[in-house]
Protein backbone atom coordinates (compact mmCIF):
# COMPACT_ATOMS: atom_id res chain seq x y z
CA MET A 1 11.79 19.02 6.03
CA LYS A 2 12.03 22.71 6.10
CA GLY A 3 9.52 25.20 4.44
CA PRO A 4 6.35 24.37 2.84
CA LEU A 5 5.30 20.79 1.72
CA PHE A 6 3.98 20.01 -1.74
CA SER A 7 1.95 16.92 -2.41
CA ILE A 8 2.91 15.42 -5.77
CA ARG A 9 0.76 12.59 -7.30
CA MET A 10 1.57 10.59 -10.61
CA ARG A 11 -0.99 8.55 -12.31
CA ALA A 12 -0.45 6.95 -15.39
CA SER A 13 -2.45 4.68 -17.96
CA ARG A 14 -2.28 2.56 -21.00
CA ASP A 15 -5.16 2.44 -23.36
CA ASP A 16 -7.33 3.82 -20.52
CA ALA A 17 -6.44 1.19 -18.15
CA HIS A 18 -4.62 2.12 -15.13
CA LEU A 19 -0.93 1.47 -15.24
CA SER A 20 1.11 3.10 -12.56
CA GLY A 21 1.02 5.46 -9.73
CA ALA A 22 3.08 7.10 -7.10
CA GLU A 23 2.94 9.68 -4.06
CA ARG A 24 5.44 12.01 -2.18
CA LEU A 25 5.47 14.65 0.11
CA VAL A 26 8.44 17.08 -0.73
CA ASP A 27 9.73 20.53 -0.35
CA VAL A 28 10.22 22.90 -3.16
CA SER A 29 13.66 21.99 -3.56
CA THR A 30 13.03 18.64 -4.68
CA LEU A 31 9.96 19.02 -6.50
CA GLU A 32 11.35 19.19 -10.04
CA LYS A 33 13.71 16.15 -9.54
CA VAL A 34 10.59 13.91 -8.13
CA ALA A 35 8.32 15.10 -10.92
CA ALA A 36 10.93 13.67 -13.52
CA GLU A 37 11.60 10.54 -11.44
CA MET A 38 7.79 9.88 -11.52
CA THR A 39 7.51 10.49 -15.22
CA ARG A 40 10.41 8.14 -15.89
CA ARG A 41 8.80 5.49 -13.76
CA ALA A 42 5.52 5.88 -15.67
CA LEU A 43 7.60 5.39 -19.02
CA GLN A 44 9.46 2.26 -17.94
CA HIS A 45 6.86 0.29 -16.40
CA ALA A 46 6.95 -3.41 -16.49
CA HIS A 47 3.41 -3.50 -18.20
CA GLY A 48 4.43 -1.09 -20.83
CA GLN A 49 4.93 2.46 -21.53
CA ALA A 50 2.21 4.91 -20.49
CA ASP A 51 -0.04 6.78 -23.08
CA CYS A 52 -1.26 9.33 -20.55
CA ILE A 53 0.57 10.65 -17.51
CA ARG A 54 -1.14 13.06 -15.01
CA ILE A 55 1.06 14.84 -12.42
CA SER A 56 -0.83 16.56 -9.59
CA ILE A 57 0.89 18.94 -7.32
CA ASP A 58 -0.57 20.98 -4.63
CA LEU A 59 0.74 22.83 -1.47
CA VAL A 60 0.13 21.29 1.78
CA SER A 61 -1.00 23.25 4.90
CA PRO A 62 1.75 22.58 7.56
CA ASP A 63 -0.88 22.11 10.60
CA THR A 64 -2.49 19.53 8.71
CA VAL A 65 0.29 17.11 8.46
CA LEU A 66 0.22 14.01 10.90
CA ILE A 67 3.85 12.87 11.97
CA LEU A 68 3.94 9.20 12.67
CA PRO A 69 6.85 6.48 12.84
CA LEU A 70 6.55 3.66 10.50
CA PRO A 71 5.23 0.31 11.51
CA ALA A 72 7.30 -2.61 12.69
CA MET A 73 8.54 -4.98 9.93
CA THR A 74 8.81 -9.01 9.98
CA THR A 75 9.24 -11.20 6.89
CA ILE A 76 7.50 -14.80 7.04
CA ARG A 77 9.53 -17.08 4.55
CA VAL A 78 7.06 -19.35 2.43
CA PRO A 79 8.03 -22.21 -0.24
CA ASP A 80 5.44 -20.95 -2.63
CA PHE A 81 2.75 -18.59 -3.25
CA ARG A 82 0.04 -21.10 -2.20
CA SER A 83 1.63 -21.17 1.29
CA GLY A 84 1.89 -17.61 1.37
CA ARG A 85 -1.91 -17.17 0.96
CA THR A 86 -2.60 -19.38 3.88
CA THR A 87 -0.09 -17.43 5.96
CA ALA A 88 -1.80 -14.06 4.98
CA LEU A 89 -5.27 -15.67 5.92
CA ASN A 90 -3.77 -16.89 9.20
CA LEU A 91 -2.42 -13.11 9.72
CA LEU A 92 -5.63 -11.55 8.98
CA LYS A 93 -7.63 -14.13 11.17
CA ALA A 94 -5.23 -13.09 13.85
CA ALA A 95 -5.87 -9.56 13.25
CA GLY A 96 -9.72 -9.79 13.89
CA VAL A 97 -10.58 -10.67 10.19
CA ALA A 98 -13.64 -13.00 9.84
CA MET A 99 -12.24 -15.61 7.52
CA PRO A 100 -15.02 -15.77 5.10
CA ALA A 101 -14.26 -12.04 5.04
CA ALA A 102 -10.60 -12.78 4.41
CA GLU A 103 -11.03 -15.32 1.82
CA SER A 104 -13.51 -13.27 -0.30
CA ALA A 105 -11.02 -10.41 -0.34
CA LEU A 106 -8.01 -12.58 -1.36
CA ALA A 107 -10.01 -14.24 -3.96
CA ALA A 108 -11.36 -10.97 -5.65
CA ILE A 109 -7.68 -9.57 -5.67
CA ALA A 110 -6.46 -13.16 -7.21
CA GLY A 111 -9.16 -12.87 -9.75
CA GLY A 112 -9.62 -9.18 -10.55
CA ALA A 113 -11.55 -7.11 -8.03
CA SER A 114 -12.96 -4.66 -10.59
CA PRO A 115 -16.37 -5.32 -12.01
CA SER A 116 -14.71 -5.53 -15.55
CA GLY A 117 -12.78 -8.51 -13.94
CA GLY A 118 -9.39 -6.46 -13.97
CA ASN A 119 -7.31 -4.89 -11.44
CA MET A 120 -8.82 -2.15 -9.51
CA ARG A 121 -7.23 1.43 -9.60
CA GLY A 122 -7.35 1.74 -5.76
CA ALA A 123 -8.07 -0.58 -2.66
CA MET A 124 -11.11 -2.50 -1.68
CA LEU A 125 -12.71 -1.24 1.61
CA VAL A 126 -14.30 -4.74 3.26
CA ASP A 127 -16.04 -5.15 6.25
CA ALA A 128 -13.83 -7.37 8.32
CA VAL A 129 -17.05 -9.26 10.08
CA THR A 130 -19.39 -9.46 7.08
CA GLY A 131 -16.93 -9.29 4.01
CA GLU A 132 -19.13 -6.57 2.48
CA ARG A 133 -17.43 -4.41 0.12
CA LEU A 134 -17.97 -0.47 1.19
CA GLU A 135 -15.83 1.44 -1.18
CA PRO A 136 -18.32 3.96 -3.30
CA ASP A 137 -16.93 2.89 -6.38
CA SER A 138 -15.82 -0.92 -7.15
CA ARG A 139 -13.90 0.36 -10.13
CA ARG A 140 -12.03 2.97 -8.77
CA GLY A 141 -11.62 1.92 -5.15
CA ILE A 142 -9.82 3.90 -2.37
CA ARG A 143 -6.84 5.80 -3.52
CA VAL A 144 -4.43 6.54 -0.29
CA SER A 145 -2.64 9.56 -1.10
CA ARG A 146 -0.41 12.39 0.48
CA MET A 147 2.18 10.49 2.48
CA ASP A 148 6.05 10.15 2.58
CA LEU A 149 9.06 9.69 4.59
CA THR A 150 11.29 12.33 6.10
CA PRO A 151 14.89 12.65 4.37
CA GLU A 152 16.12 11.37 7.65
CA ALA A 153 13.99 8.43 8.08
CA GLU A 154 14.39 7.75 4.20
CA ARG A 155 17.91 7.53 5.10
CA GLU A 156 17.48 5.22 8.11
CA LEU A 157 15.05 3.02 6.46
CA ARG A 158 17.17 2.26 3.53
CA LEU A 159 20.13 1.45 5.78
CA GLU A 160 18.09 -1.08 7.69
CA LEU A 161 16.44 -2.61 4.30
CA GLU A 162 19.82 -2.69 2.85
CA LYS A 163 21.07 -5.22 5.48
CA LEU A 164 18.02 -7.52 4.67
CA GLY A 165 18.71 -7.03 1.03
CA LEU A 166 15.24 -5.38 0.53
CA ASP A 167 16.15 -1.65 -0.59
CA ARG A 168 13.85 -1.65 -3.27
CA PRO A 169 11.24 1.20 -3.89
CA GLN A 170 8.33 -1.41 -3.84
CA VAL A 171 9.34 -1.91 -0.24
CA ARG A 172 9.78 1.15 1.01
CA GLU A 173 6.54 2.54 -0.77
CA ALA A 174 4.53 -0.21 0.66
CA LEU A 175 5.63 0.30 4.09
CA VAL A 176 4.79 4.11 3.89
CA LEU A 177 1.32 3.18 2.53
CA SER A 178 0.55 0.57 5.19
CA GLY A 179 1.74 2.97 7.92
CA LYS A 180 -0.93 5.43 6.70
CA VAL A 181 -3.55 2.87 6.29
CA LEU A 182 -2.93 1.48 9.87
CA ALA A 183 -3.11 4.85 11.43
CA ALA A 184 -6.93 5.43 9.82
CA PRO A 185 -9.75 5.00 12.35
CA GLY A 186 -11.53 1.96 11.91
CA VAL A 187 -8.93 -0.09 9.94
CA VAL A 188 -8.36 -4.06 11.19
CA ALA A 189 -5.85 -4.82 8.48
CA GLU A 190 -4.57 -4.70 5.16
CA LEU A 191 -3.63 -7.31 2.31
CA CYS A 192 -1.78 -6.37 -0.60
CA TRP A 193 0.60 -7.92 -3.46
CA SER A 194 1.49 -6.06 -6.48
CA ASP A 195 0.26 -6.19 -10.19
CA ASP A 196 3.64 -6.21 -11.39
CA PRO A 197 4.43 -9.46 -13.07
CA ASP A 198 7.75 -9.91 -11.86
CA TYR A 199 7.07 -9.14 -8.35
CA PRO A 200 5.32 -11.82 -6.59
CA ALA A 201 5.67 -10.65 -2.80
CA GLY A 202 2.99 -8.85 -0.70
CA TYR A 203 2.09 -8.26 2.59
CA VAL A 204 -0.47 -8.18 5.68
CA ALA A 205 -0.41 -5.25 7.76
CA ALA A 206 -2.34 -4.86 11.24
CA PRO A 207 -1.91 -2.71 14.35
CA GLN A 208 -0.51 -5.35 16.40
CA ALA A 209 1.50 -7.22 14.01
CA GLY A 210 2.94 -4.41 11.91
CA TYR A 211 3.98 -4.82 8.17
CA VAL A 212 4.38 -8.56 7.77
CA ARG A 213 6.06 -9.03 4.39
CA ILE A 214 5.38 -12.67 2.27
CA PRO A 215 7.93 -13.05 -0.29
CA ALA A 216 5.21 -15.11 -2.46
CA LEU A 217 1.57 -14.30 -2.77
CA LYS A 218 1.10 -14.94 -6.29
CA PRO A 219 3.08 -16.80 -8.93
CA LEU A 220 5.66 -15.21 -11.32
CA GLY A 221 4.17 -13.80 -14.51
CA ASP A 222 0.77 -13.15 -13.00
CA ASN A 223 -0.32 -9.58 -13.55
CA ARG A 224 -3.22 -9.83 -10.96
CA GLY A 225 -3.14 -7.66 -7.79
CA GLY A 226 -4.52 -5.17 -5.43
CA ARG A 227 -5.02 -4.60 -1.62
CA ALA A 228 -8.17 -4.66 0.65
CA PHE A 229 -8.52 -2.48 3.55
CA PHE A 230 -10.34 -4.35 6.15
CA VAL A 231 -12.66 -2.23 8.72
CA ARG A 232 -14.83 -2.90 11.65
CA GLY A 233 -16.80 -0.55 13.91
CA ASN A 234 -20.32 0.01 14.85
CA ARG A 235 -20.02 3.65 14.52
CA LEU A 236 -17.45 3.68 11.67
CA ASP A 237 -17.34 7.13 9.95
CA LEU A 238 -17.02 5.78 6.26
CA PRO A 239 -16.64 9.16 4.69
CA GLY A 240 -14.42 10.33 7.36
CA LEU A 241 -12.25 7.22 7.04
CA ILE A 242 -12.07 7.74 3.35
CA ASN A 243 -11.02 11.16 3.57
CA PHE A 244 -8.40 10.37 5.97
CA LEU A 245 -6.89 7.71 3.48
CA GLU A 246 -7.25 10.19 0.48
CA CYS A 247 -6.55 13.42 1.80
CA ARG A 248 -4.76 13.84 5.21
CA PRO A 249 -1.27 14.50 4.95
CA VAL A 250 1.01 11.97 7.00
CA LEU A 251 4.80 12.06 7.19
CA PHE A 252 6.85 9.46 8.94
CA ASP A 253 9.82 10.49 10.75
CA ARG A 254 11.49 7.31 11.74
CA PRO A 255 11.47 3.52 10.93
CA GLY A 256 9.69 0.90 13.00
CA ARG A 257 11.40 -2.29 14.66
CA PHE A 258 12.85 -4.73 12.32
CA HIS A 259 11.98 -8.28 13.68
CA PRO A 260 13.96 -11.53 12.58
CA ASP A 261 12.53 -13.33 9.60
CA ARG A 262 10.81 -16.47 10.50
CA ASP A 263 9.46 -19.39 8.75
CA MET A 264 5.64 -19.95 8.13
CA GLU A 265 3.81 -22.02 11.16
CA ARG A 266 2.75 -25.48 9.89
């Protein structure tokens, strides 16, 4: 990218409930186009048309941008969402998350992690050993922001995903978000699946395993979803971690490795 970058962020709601969000880092030549695409996305969401759309645009200082490669990607095939959740728990355990912490976070996402019993607007921040939730606001959660692909990296990524039949916005955006989360200090792993009732896939991401896509983590038609970031460290700088996730600009300049699909371990 040439010239200054702008962080553009969209948040959409319906009846005061979070509906949709999007994050991009773009140059001035594509700013208007991206703003229009985000608006269209909010108006055509699977959960209904937004009645409130907020778009924020901020200039990004070039010396604050962290340049990284995307994590590696693997897909583990599963026969159903129950097998998918078992696979997710095993991956989290392998990443160093205590099983009770993994199970409680998974159950919270499945049941609605917000105090109201609905979906959170952001992510849970979970102690990987104790399972304690650490996010300051359990309704809002942690909102990962200010990350994107370079145009060259986006082209390369889409070519690779197209070969796998996975060139969809949900997959590209999840890879970018997970890449920033895994770069954050103290993060052990991430668990996520969408609240889109027509999109049952999700993933577990961890520094060693990379981004592991699981095609089914909930039944079709279920509108529950969310994400949990598992953290560990005796000297964890919680404010610093949250500031990195929400404010530090990260730009990914190349895709990670694409490993062959595999079946779940039985």
